[in-house]
């Protein structure tokens, strides 16, 4: 039975933290924004709008968590050292929080 509280939790851990999922995927290999929607669905079991990808990528690049480069007409994104550190810290934080529940 899915309660409203469980739905809110799932939303917070998925849509509310898209940046974690994107960094996790970019840790594997650089990619371009257009394919992120399908990759996100395979990687985490949820999908969101394409515009959301661009918004999150723009913010993460501004924070230095990712960088971009052009290859032909496509703009590829890759995780930076700062992004790897942020991802590791976020994972550690989630483990800490879940162990206290």
PDB file of N, CA and C in Angstrom:
ATOM      1  N   UNK A   1       0.840  -1.170   0.000  1.00  0.00           N
ATOM      2  CA  UNK A   1       0.000   0.000   0.000  1.00  0.00           C
ATOM      3  C   UNK A   1       0.891   1.242   0.000  1.00  0.00           C
ATOM      4  N   UNK A   2       0.662   2.131  -0.945  1.00  0.00           N
ATOM      5  CA  UNK A   2       1.465   3.342  -1.044  1.00  0.00           C
ATOM      6  C   UNK A   2       0.740   4.494  -0.373  1.00  0.00           C
ATOM      7  N   UNK A   3       1.331   4.980   0.669  1.00  0.00           N
ATOM      8  CA  UNK A   3       0.745   6.110   1.386  1.00  0.00           C
ATOM      9  C   UNK A   3       1.250   7.411   0.765  1.00  0.00           C
ATOM     10  N   UNK A   4       0.601   8.506   1.106  1.00  0.00           N
ATOM     11  CA  UNK A   4       1.042   9.812   0.632  1.00  0.00           C
ATOM     12  C   UNK A   4       2.459  10.106   1.130  1.00  0.00           C
ATOM     13  N   UNK A   5       2.754   9.683   2.353  1.00  0.00           N
ATOM     14  CA  UNK A   5       4.090   9.906   2.913  1.00  0.00           C
ATOM     15  C   UNK A   5       5.155   9.162   2.106  1.00  0.00           C
ATOM     16  N   UNK A   6       4.871   7.923   1.714  1.00  0.00           N
ATOM     17  CA  UNK A   6       5.822   7.155   0.920  1.00  0.00           C
ATOM     18  C   UNK A   6       6.004   7.786  -0.458  1.00  0.00           C
ATOM     19  N   UNK A   7       4.931   8.273  -1.044  1.00  0.00           N
ATOM     20  CA  UNK A   7       5.034   8.956  -2.345  1.00  0.00           C
ATOM     21  C   UNK A   7       5.917  10.205  -2.230  1.00  0.00           C
ATOM     22  N   UNK A   8       5.770  10.945  -1.150  1.00  0.00           N
ATOM     23  CA  UNK A   8       6.603  12.138  -0.941  1.00  0.00           C
ATOM     24  C   UNK A   8       8.076  11.746  -0.784  1.00  0.00           C
ATOM     25  N   UNK A   9       8.333  10.671  -0.057  1.00  0.00           N
ATOM     26  CA  UNK A   9       9.707  10.204   0.121  1.00  0.00           C
ATOM     27  C   UNK A   9      10.310   9.810  -1.227  1.00  0.00           C
ATOM     28  N   UNK A  10       9.584   9.039  -2.000  1.00  0.00           N
ATOM     29  CA  UNK A  10      10.098   8.624  -3.316  1.00  0.00           C
ATOM     30  C   UNK A  10      10.371   9.827  -4.209  1.00  0.00           C
ATOM     31  N   UNK A  11       9.478  10.808  -4.173  1.00  0.00           N
ATOM     32  CA  UNK A  11       9.674  12.009  -4.987  1.00  0.00           C
ATOM     33  C   UNK A  11      10.926  12.764  -4.535  1.00  0.00           C
ATOM     34  N   UNK A  12      11.108  12.868  -3.229  1.00  0.00           N
ATOM     35  CA  UNK A  12      12.278  13.580  -2.705  1.00  0.00           C
ATOM     36  C   UNK A  12      13.580  12.877  -3.089  1.00  0.00           C
ATOM     37  N   UNK A  13      13.572  11.555  -3.086  1.00  0.00           N
ATOM     38  CA  UNK A  13      14.784  10.799  -3.391  1.00  0.00           C
ATOM     39  C   UNK A  13      15.037  10.641  -4.887  1.00  0.00           C
ATOM     40  N   UNK A  14      14.030  10.880  -5.689  1.00  0.00           N
ATOM     41  CA  UNK A  14      14.206  10.760  -7.138  1.00  0.00           C
ATOM     42  C   UNK A  14      14.199  12.145  -7.765  1.00  0.00           C
ATOM     43  N   UNK A  15      13.036  12.659  -8.050  1.00  0.00           N
ATOM     44  CA  UNK A  15      12.915  13.949  -8.714  1.00  0.00           C
ATOM     45  C   UNK A  15      13.562  15.062  -7.907  1.00  0.00           C
ATOM     46  N   UNK A  16      13.434  15.019  -6.605  1.00  0.00           N
ATOM     47  CA  UNK A  16      13.999  16.059  -5.757  1.00  0.00           C
ATOM     48  C   UNK A  16      15.512  16.057  -5.693  1.00  0.00           C
ATOM     49  N   UNK A  17      16.129  14.996  -6.143  1.00  0.00           N
ATOM     50  CA  UNK A  17      17.587  14.885  -6.113  1.00  0.00           C
ATOM     51  C   UNK A  17      18.128  14.341  -7.433  1.00  0.00           C
ATOM     52  N   UNK A  18      17.638  14.892  -8.514  1.00  0.00           N
ATOM     53  CA  UNK A  18      18.083  14.462  -9.842  1.00  0.00           C
ATOM     54  C   UNK A  18      19.596  14.593  -9.979  1.00  0.00           C
ATOM     55  N   UNK A  19      20.145  15.597  -9.349  1.00  0.00           N
ATOM     56  CA  UNK A  19      21.585  15.832  -9.483  1.00  0.00           C
ATOM     57  C   UNK A  19      22.403  14.626  -9.038  1.00  0.00           C
ATOM     58  N   UNK A  20      21.943  13.913  -8.009  1.00  0.00           N
ATOM     59  CA  UNK A  20      22.663  12.723  -7.554  1.00  0.00           C
ATOM     60  C   UNK A  20      22.662  11.632  -8.617  1.00  0.00           C
ATOM     61  N   UNK A  21      21.514  11.450  -9.242  1.00  0.00           N
ATOM     62  CA  UNK A  21      21.396  10.426 -10.281  1.00  0.00           C
ATOM     63  C   UNK A  21      22.237  10.793 -11.500  1.00  0.00           C
ATOM     64  N   UNK A  22      22.215  12.062 -11.872  1.00  0.00           N
ATOM     65  CA  UNK A  22      23.001  12.497 -13.034  1.00  0.00           C
ATOM     66  C   UNK A  22      24.494  12.341 -12.751  1.00  0.00           C
ATOM     67  N   UNK A  23      24.947  12.759 -11.582  1.00  0.00           N
ATOM     68  CA  UNK A  23      26.369  12.592 -11.255  1.00  0.00           C
ATOM     69  C   UNK A  23      26.762  11.119 -11.264  1.00  0.00           C
ATOM     70  N   UNK A  24      25.892  10.282 -10.752  1.00  0.00           N
ATOM     71  CA  UNK A  24      26.175   8.849 -10.730  1.00  0.00           C
ATOM     72  C   UNK A  24      26.326   8.300 -12.149  1.00  0.00           C
ATOM     73  N   UNK A  25      25.481   8.746 -13.055  1.00  0.00           N
ATOM     74  CA  UNK A  25      25.579   8.295 -14.452  1.00  0.00           C
ATOM     75  C   UNK A  25      26.814   8.876 -15.127  1.00  0.00           C
ATOM     76  N   UNK A  26      27.103  10.151 -14.873  1.00  0.00           N
ATOM     77  CA  UNK A  26      28.271  10.778 -15.488  1.00  0.00           C
ATOM     78  C   UNK A  26      29.573  10.203 -14.941  1.00  0.00           C
ATOM     79  N   UNK A  27      29.526   9.633 -13.772  1.00  0.00           N
ATOM     80  CA  UNK A  27      30.711   8.974 -13.215  1.00  0.00           C
ATOM     81  C   UNK A  27      31.122   7.793 -14.094  1.00  0.00           C
ATOM     82  N   UNK A  28      30.140   7.170 -14.743  1.00  0.00           N
ATOM     83  CA  UNK A  28      30.407   6.030 -15.617  1.00  0.00           C
ATOM     84  C   UNK A  28      30.977   6.466 -16.962  1.00  0.00           C
ATOM     85  N   UNK A  29      30.377   7.537 -17.550  1.00  0.00           N
ATOM     86  CA  UNK A  29      30.862   8.037 -18.834  1.00  0.00           C
ATOM     87  C   UNK A  29      30.195   9.372 -19.150  1.00  0.00           C
ATOM     88  N   UNK A  30      30.885  10.220 -19.906  1.00  0.00           N
ATOM     89  CA  UNK A  30      30.281  11.481 -20.332  1.00  0.00           C
ATOM     90  C   UNK A  30      29.062  11.205 -21.224  1.00  0.00           C
ATOM     91  N   UNK A  31      28.107  12.113 -21.191  1.00  0.00           N
ATOM     92  CA  UNK A  31      26.913  11.950 -22.025  1.00  0.00           C
ATOM     93  C   UNK A  31      26.343  13.310 -22.378  1.00  0.00           C
ATOM     94  N   UNK A  32      25.400  13.339 -23.283  1.00  0.00           N
ATOM     95  CA  UNK A  32      24.757  14.601 -23.637  1.00  0.00           C
ATOM     96  C   UNK A  32      23.326  14.606 -23.111  1.00  0.00           C
ATOM     97  N   UNK A  33      22.794  15.790 -22.925  1.00  0.00           N
ATOM     98  CA  UNK A  33      21.535  15.993 -22.203  1.00  0.00           C
ATOM     99  C   UNK A  33      20.352  15.250 -22.815  1.00  0.00           C
ATOM    100  N   UNK A  34      20.297  15.192 -24.118  1.00  0.00           N
ATOM    101  CA  UNK A  34      19.126  14.614 -24.771  1.00  0.00           C
ATOM    102  C   UNK A  34      18.894  13.150 -24.380  1.00  0.00           C
ATOM    103  N   UNK A  35      19.956  12.390 -24.162  1.00  0.00           N
ATOM    104  CA  UNK A  35      19.800  10.972 -23.828  1.00  0.00           C
ATOM    105  C   UNK A  35      19.641  10.720 -22.334  1.00  0.00           C
ATOM    106  N   UNK A  36      19.804  11.760 -21.527  1.00  0.00           N
ATOM    107  CA  UNK A  36      19.714  11.569 -20.076  1.00  0.00           C
ATOM    108  C   UNK A  36      18.358  11.043 -19.623  1.00  0.00           C
ATOM    109  N   UNK A  37      17.289  11.470 -20.276  1.00  0.00           N
ATOM    110  CA  UNK A  37      15.956  11.040 -19.850  1.00  0.00           C
ATOM    111  C   UNK A  37      15.830   9.515 -19.902  1.00  0.00           C
ATOM    112  N   UNK A  38      16.230   8.915 -21.010  1.00  0.00           N
ATOM    113  CA  UNK A  38      16.156   7.454 -21.138  1.00  0.00           C
ATOM    114  C   UNK A  38      17.155   6.772 -20.208  1.00  0.00           C
ATOM    115  N   UNK A  39      18.345   7.322 -20.098  1.00  0.00           N
ATOM    116  CA  UNK A  39      19.345   6.752 -19.194  1.00  0.00           C
ATOM    117  C   UNK A  39      18.864   6.812 -17.751  1.00  0.00           C
ATOM    118  N   UNK A  40      18.217   7.910 -17.386  1.00  0.00           N
ATOM    119  CA  UNK A  40      17.695   8.066 -16.025  1.00  0.00           C
ATOM    120  C   UNK A  40      16.647   7.003 -15.744  1.00  0.00           C
ATOM    121  N   UNK A  41      15.807   6.743 -16.716  1.00  0.00           N
ATOM    122  CA  UNK A  41      14.761   5.737 -16.543  1.00  0.00           C
ATOM    123  C   UNK A  41      15.384   4.360 -16.296  1.00  0.00           C
ATOM    124  N   UNK A  42      16.412   4.023 -17.071  1.00  0.00           N
ATOM    125  CA  UNK A  42      17.092   2.729 -16.884  1.00  0.00           C
ATOM    126  C   UNK A  42      17.888   2.700 -15.590  1.00  0.00           C
ATOM    127  N   UNK A  43      18.554   3.791 -15.266  1.00  0.00           N
ATOM    128  CA  UNK A  43      19.435   3.853 -14.100  1.00  0.00           C
ATOM    129  C   UNK A  43      18.664   3.852 -12.786  1.00  0.00           C
ATOM    130  N   UNK A  44      17.612   4.677 -12.699  1.00  0.00           N
ATOM    131  CA  UNK A  44      16.937   4.849 -11.420  1.00  0.00           C
ATOM    132  C   UNK A  44      15.475   4.479 -11.397  1.00  0.00           C
ATOM    133  N   UNK A  45      14.923   4.101 -12.536  1.00  0.00           N
ATOM    134  CA  UNK A  45      13.528   3.669 -12.554  1.00  0.00           C
ATOM    135  C   UNK A  45      12.508   4.788 -12.596  1.00  0.00           C
ATOM    136  N   UNK A  46      12.912   5.998 -12.898  1.00  0.00           N
ATOM    137  CA  UNK A  46      11.957   7.088 -13.038  1.00  0.00           C
ATOM    138  C   UNK A  46      12.406   8.009 -14.158  1.00  0.00           C
ATOM    139  N   UNK A  47      11.474   8.739 -14.693  1.00  0.00           N
ATOM    140  CA  UNK A  47      11.768   9.675 -15.773  1.00  0.00           C
ATOM    141  C   UNK A  47      11.152  11.022 -15.439  1.00  0.00           C
ATOM    142  N   UNK A  48      11.681  12.046 -16.039  1.00  0.00           N
ATOM    143  CA  UNK A  48      11.182  13.398 -15.862  1.00  0.00           C
ATOM    144  C   UNK A  48      11.342  14.122 -17.190  1.00  0.00           C
ATOM    145  N   UNK A  49      10.939  15.339 -17.267  1.00  0.00           N
ATOM    146  CA  UNK A  49      11.000  16.078 -18.525  1.00  0.00           C
ATOM    147  C   UNK A  49      12.411  16.449 -18.944  1.00  0.00           C
ATOM    148  N   UNK A  50      12.585  16.582 -20.240  1.00  0.00           N
ATOM    149  CA  UNK A  50      13.877  16.930 -20.817  1.00  0.00           C
ATOM    150  C   UNK A  50      14.349  18.296 -20.331  1.00  0.00           C
ATOM    151  N   UNK A  51      13.429  19.231 -20.186  1.00  0.00           N
ATOM    152  CA  UNK A  51      13.786  20.571 -19.728  1.00  0.00           C
ATOM    153  C   UNK A  51      14.423  20.500 -18.339  1.00  0.00           C
ATOM    154  N   UNK A  52      13.917  19.620 -17.496  1.00  0.00           N
ATOM    155  CA  UNK A  52      14.476  19.469 -16.152  1.00  0.00           C
ATOM    156  C   UNK A  52      15.951  19.081 -16.226  1.00  0.00           C
ATOM    157  N   UNK A  53      16.307  18.206 -17.161  1.00  0.00           N
ATOM    158  CA  UNK A  53      17.718  17.833 -17.333  1.00  0.00           C
ATOM    159  C   UNK A  53      18.576  19.065 -17.589  1.00  0.00           C
ATOM    160  N   UNK A  54      18.115  19.891 -18.521  1.00  0.00           N
ATOM    161  CA  UNK A  54      18.892  21.079 -18.873  1.00  0.00           C
ATOM    162  C   UNK A  54      19.034  22.029 -17.691  1.00  0.00           C
ATOM    163  N   UNK A  55      17.983  22.207 -16.930  1.00  0.00           N
ATOM    164  CA  UNK A  55      18.021  23.086 -15.756  1.00  0.00           C
ATOM    165  C   UNK A  55      19.033  22.567 -14.743  1.00  0.00           C
ATOM    166  N   UNK A  56      18.963  21.280 -14.459  1.00  0.00           N
ATOM    167  CA  UNK A  56      19.871  20.679 -13.466  1.00  0.00           C
ATOM    168  C   UNK A  56      21.314  20.702 -13.972  1.00  0.00           C
ATOM    169  N   UNK A  57      21.518  20.373 -15.234  1.00  0.00           N
ATOM    170  CA  UNK A  57      22.873  20.404 -15.793  1.00  0.00           C
ATOM    171  C   UNK A  57      23.456  21.809 -15.729  1.00  0.00           C
ATOM    172  N   UNK A  58      22.660  22.805 -16.071  1.00  0.00           N
ATOM    173  CA  UNK A  58      23.109  24.197 -16.025  1.00  0.00           C
ATOM    174  C   UNK A  58      23.547  24.578 -14.609  1.00  0.00           C
ATOM    175  N   UNK A  59      22.737  24.211 -13.621  1.00  0.00           N
ATOM    176  CA  UNK A  59      23.065  24.530 -12.227  1.00  0.00           C
ATOM    177  C   UNK A  59      24.323  23.793 -11.776  1.00  0.00           C
ATOM    178  N   UNK A  60      24.434  22.513 -12.126  1.00  0.00           N
ATOM    179  CA  UNK A  60      25.598  21.734 -11.698  1.00  0.00           C
ATOM    180  C   UNK A  60      26.877  22.248 -12.356  1.00  0.00           C
ATOM    181  N   UNK A  61      26.768  22.665 -13.616  1.00  0.00           N
ATOM    182  CA  UNK A  61      27.951  23.201 -14.280  1.00  0.00           C
ATOM    183  C   UNK A  61      28.360  24.520 -13.622  1.00  0.00           C
ATOM    184  N   UNK A  62      27.388  25.337 -13.252  1.00  0.00           N
ATOM    185  CA  UNK A  62      27.674  26.588 -12.560  1.00  0.00           C
ATOM    186  C   UNK A  62      28.334  26.375 -11.208  1.00  0.00           C
ATOM    187  N   UNK A  63      28.015  25.267 -10.560  1.00  0.00           N
ATOM    188  CA  UNK A  63      28.598  24.932  -9.256  1.00  0.00           C
ATOM    189  C   UNK A  63      29.946  24.222  -9.393  1.00  0.00           C
ATOM    190  N   UNK A  64      30.327  23.878 -10.623  1.00  0.00           N
ATOM    191  CA  UNK A  64      31.595  23.192 -10.840  1.00  0.00           C
ATOM    192  C   UNK A  64      31.546  21.692 -10.606  1.00  0.00           C
ATOM    193  N   UNK A  65      30.334  21.131 -10.505  1.00  0.00           N
ATOM    194  CA  UNK A  65      30.202  19.686 -10.295  1.00  0.00           C
ATOM    195  C   UNK A  65      30.398  18.901 -11.587  1.00  0.00           C
ATOM    196  N   UNK A  66      30.126  19.557 -12.703  1.00  0.00           N
ATOM    197  CA  UNK A  66      30.318  18.947 -14.017  1.00  0.00           C
ATOM    198  C   UNK A  66      30.948  19.985 -14.941  1.00  0.00           C
ATOM    199  N   UNK A  67      31.493  19.505 -16.033  1.00  0.00           N
ATOM    200  CA  UNK A  67      32.001  20.391 -17.080  1.00  0.00           C
ATOM    201  C   UNK A  67      31.443  19.885 -18.404  1.00  0.00           C
ATOM    202  N   UNK A  68      31.588  20.690 -19.431  1.00  0.00           N
ATOM    203  CA  UNK A  68      31.033  20.295 -20.732  1.00  0.00           C
ATOM    204  C   UNK A  68      32.048  20.554 -21.839  1.00  0.00           C
ATOM    205  N   UNK A  69      31.847  19.863 -22.928  1.00  0.00           N
ATOM    206  CA  UNK A  69      32.650  20.064 -24.131  1.00  0.00           C
ATOM    207  C   UNK A  69      31.788  19.698 -25.325  1.00  0.00           C
ATOM    208  N   UNK A  70      32.142  20.258 -26.468  1.00  0.00           N
ATOM    209  CA  UNK A  70      31.384  19.972 -27.684  1.00  0.00           C
ATOM    210  C   UNK A  70      32.111  18.940 -28.529  1.00  0.00           C
ATOM    211  N   UNK A  71      31.333  18.039 -29.062  1.00  0.00           N
ATOM    212  CA  UNK A  71      31.830  17.053 -30.001  1.00  0.00           C
ATOM    213  C   UNK A  71      30.846  17.071 -31.158  1.00  0.00           C
ATOM    214  N   UNK A  72      31.241  17.694 -32.239  1.00  0.00           N
ATOM    215  CA  UNK A  72      30.289  17.910 -33.327  1.00  0.00           C
ATOM    216  C   UNK A  72      29.219  18.885 -32.862  1.00  0.00           C
ATOM    217  N   UNK A  73      27.974  18.534 -33.077  1.00  0.00           N
ATOM    218  CA  UNK A  73      26.857  19.387 -32.663  1.00  0.00           C
ATOM    219  C   UNK A  73      26.403  19.108 -31.233  1.00  0.00           C
ATOM    220  N   UNK A  74      26.930  18.071 -30.641  1.00  0.00           N
ATOM    221  CA  UNK A  74      26.478  17.673 -29.302  1.00  0.00           C
ATOM    222  C   UNK A  74      27.362  18.265 -28.209  1.00  0.00           C
ATOM    223  N   UNK A  75      26.704  18.618 -27.120  1.00  0.00           N
ATOM    224  CA  UNK A  75      27.398  19.116 -25.945  1.00  0.00           C
ATOM    225  C   UNK A  75      27.395  18.003 -24.908  1.00  0.00           C
ATOM    226  N   UNK A  76      28.578  17.495 -24.613  1.00  0.00           N
ATOM    227  CA  UNK A  76      28.720  16.410 -23.651  1.00  0.00           C
ATOM    228  C   UNK A  76      29.042  16.974 -22.276  1.00  0.00           C
ATOM    229  N   UNK A  77      28.574  16.258 -21.268  1.00  0.00           N
ATOM    230  CA  UNK A  77      28.833  16.626 -19.883  1.00  0.00           C
ATOM    231  C   UNK A  77      29.624  15.513 -19.216  1.00  0.00           C
ATOM    232  N   UNK A  78      30.542  15.915 -18.351  1.00  0.00           N
ATOM    233  CA  UNK A  78      31.324  14.937 -17.590  1.00  0.00           C
ATOM    234  C   UNK A  78      31.475  15.435 -16.159  1.00  0.00           C
ATOM    235  N   UNK A  79      31.644  14.501 -15.270  1.00  0.00           N
ATOM    236  CA  UNK A  79      31.769  14.831 -13.852  1.00  0.00           C
ATOM    237  C   UNK A  79      33.175  15.373 -13.580  1.00  0.00           C
ATOM    238  N   UNK A  80      33.269  16.337 -12.690  1.00  0.00           N
ATOM    239  CA  UNK A  80      34.559  16.903 -12.296  1.00  0.00           C
ATOM    240  C   UNK A  80      35.002  16.265 -10.973  1.00  0.00           C
ATOM    241  N   UNK A  81      36.208  16.596 -10.559  1.00  0.00           N
ATOM    242  CA  UNK A  81      36.692  16.107  -9.259  1.00  0.00           C
ATOM    243  C   UNK A  81      35.782  16.617  -8.140  1.00  0.00           C
ATOM    244  N   UNK A  82      35.352  17.860  -8.245  1.00  0.00           N
ATOM    245  CA  UNK A  82      34.433  18.424  -7.249  1.00  0.00           C
ATOM    246  C   UNK A  82      33.108  17.662  -7.253  1.00  0.00           C
ATOM    247  N   UNK A  83      32.641  17.266  -8.439  1.00  0.00           N
ATOM    248  CA  UNK A  83      31.408  16.490  -8.557  1.00  0.00           C
ATOM    249  C   UNK A  83      31.549  15.104  -7.953  1.00  0.00           C
ATOM    250  N   UNK A  84      32.699  14.479  -8.171  1.00  0.00           N
ATOM    251  CA  UNK A  84      32.948  13.158  -7.578  1.00  0.00           C
ATOM    252  C   UNK A  84      32.949  13.238  -6.050  1.00  0.00           C
ATOM    253  N   UNK A  85      33.549  14.299  -5.531  1.00  0.00           N
ATOM    254  CA  UNK A  85      33.586  14.484  -4.087  1.00  0.00           C
ATOM    255  C   UNK A  85      32.182  14.727  -3.543  1.00  0.00           C
ATOM    256  N   UNK A  86      31.406  15.560  -4.231  1.00  0.00           N
ATOM    257  CA  UNK A  86      30.033  15.849  -3.798  1.00  0.00           C
ATOM    258  C   UNK A  86      29.177  14.588  -3.826  1.00  0.00           C
ATOM    259  N   UNK A  87      29.347  13.760  -4.852  1.00  0.00           N
ATOM    260  CA  UNK A  87      28.597  12.512  -4.960  1.00  0.00           C
ATOM    261  C   UNK A  87      28.969  11.567  -3.816  1.00  0.00           C
ATOM    262  N   UNK A  88      30.241  11.443  -3.539  1.00  0.00           N
ATOM    263  CA  UNK A  88      30.691  10.574  -2.438  1.00  0.00           C
ATOM    264  C   UNK A  88      30.148  11.065  -1.098  1.00  0.00           C
ATOM    265  N   UNK A  89      30.185  12.361  -0.875  1.00  0.00           N
ATOM    266  CA  UNK A  89      29.668  12.926   0.376  1.00  0.00           C
ATOM    267  C   UNK A  89      28.161  12.718   0.490  1.00  0.00           C
ATOM    268  N   UNK A  90      27.445  12.878  -0.621  1.00  0.00           N
ATOM    269  CA  UNK A  90      25.991  12.680  -0.608  1.00  0.00           C
ATOM    270  C   UNK A  90      25.644  11.230  -0.300  1.00  0.00           C
ATOM    271  N   UNK A  91      26.378  10.301  -0.906  1.00  0.00           N
ATOM    272  CA  UNK A  91      26.140   8.878  -0.637  1.00  0.00           C
ATOM    273  C   UNK A  91      26.401   8.562   0.834  1.00  0.00           C
ATOM    274  N   UNK A  92      27.481   9.094   1.353  1.00  0.00           N
ATOM    275  CA  UNK A  92      27.814   8.872   2.765  1.00  0.00           C
ATOM    276  C   UNK A  92      26.715   9.441   3.660  1.00  0.00           C
ATOM    277  N   UNK A  93      26.225  10.610   3.326  1.00  0.00           N
ATOM    278  CA  UNK A  93      25.155  11.235   4.106  1.00  0.00           C
ATOM    279  C   UNK A  93      23.886  10.384   4.070  1.00  0.00           C
ATOM    280  N   UNK A  94      23.513   9.881   2.889  1.00  0.00           N
ATOM    281  CA  UNK A  94      22.318   9.047   2.776  1.00  0.00           C
ATOM    282  C   UNK A  94      22.451   7.759   3.581  1.00  0.00           C
ATOM    283  N   UNK A  95      23.622   7.165   3.580  1.00  0.00           N
ATOM    284  CA  UNK A  95      23.858   5.962   4.371  1.00  0.00           C
ATOM    285  C   UNK A  95      23.713   6.283   5.855  1.00  0.00           C
ATOM    286  N   UNK A  96      24.286   7.406   6.274  1.00  0.00           N
ATOM    287  CA  UNK A  96      24.191   7.815   7.678  1.00  0.00           C
ATOM    288  C   UNK A  96      22.742   8.032   8.094  1.00  0.00           C
ATOM    289  N   UNK A  97      22.007   8.744   7.263  1.00  0.00           N
ATOM    290  CA  UNK A  97      20.598   9.012   7.575  1.00  0.00           C
ATOM    291  C   UNK A  97      19.794   7.716   7.629  1.00  0.00           C
ATOM    292  N   UNK A  98      19.989   6.850   6.636  1.00  0.00           N
ATOM    293  CA  UNK A  98      19.203   5.614   6.596  1.00  0.00           C
ATOM    294  C   UNK A  98      19.564   4.692   7.759  1.00  0.00           C
ATOM    295  N   UNK A  99      20.796   4.727   8.229  1.00  0.00           N
ATOM    296  CA  UNK A  99      21.169   3.859   9.353  1.00  0.00           C
ATOM    297  C   UNK A  99      20.532   4.321  10.662  1.00  0.00           C
ATOM    298  N   UNK A 100      20.108   5.559  10.719  1.00  0.00           N
ATOM    299  CA  UNK A 100      19.483   6.086  11.933  1.00  0.00           C
ATOM    300  C   UNK A 100      17.981   5.878  11.954  1.00  0.00           C
ATOM    301  N   UNK A 101      17.431   5.403  10.856  1.00  0.00           N
ATOM    302  CA  UNK A 101      15.980   5.195  10.796  1.00  0.00           C
ATOM    303  C   UNK A 101      15.584   3.846  11.362  1.00  0.00           C
TER     304      UNK A 101
END
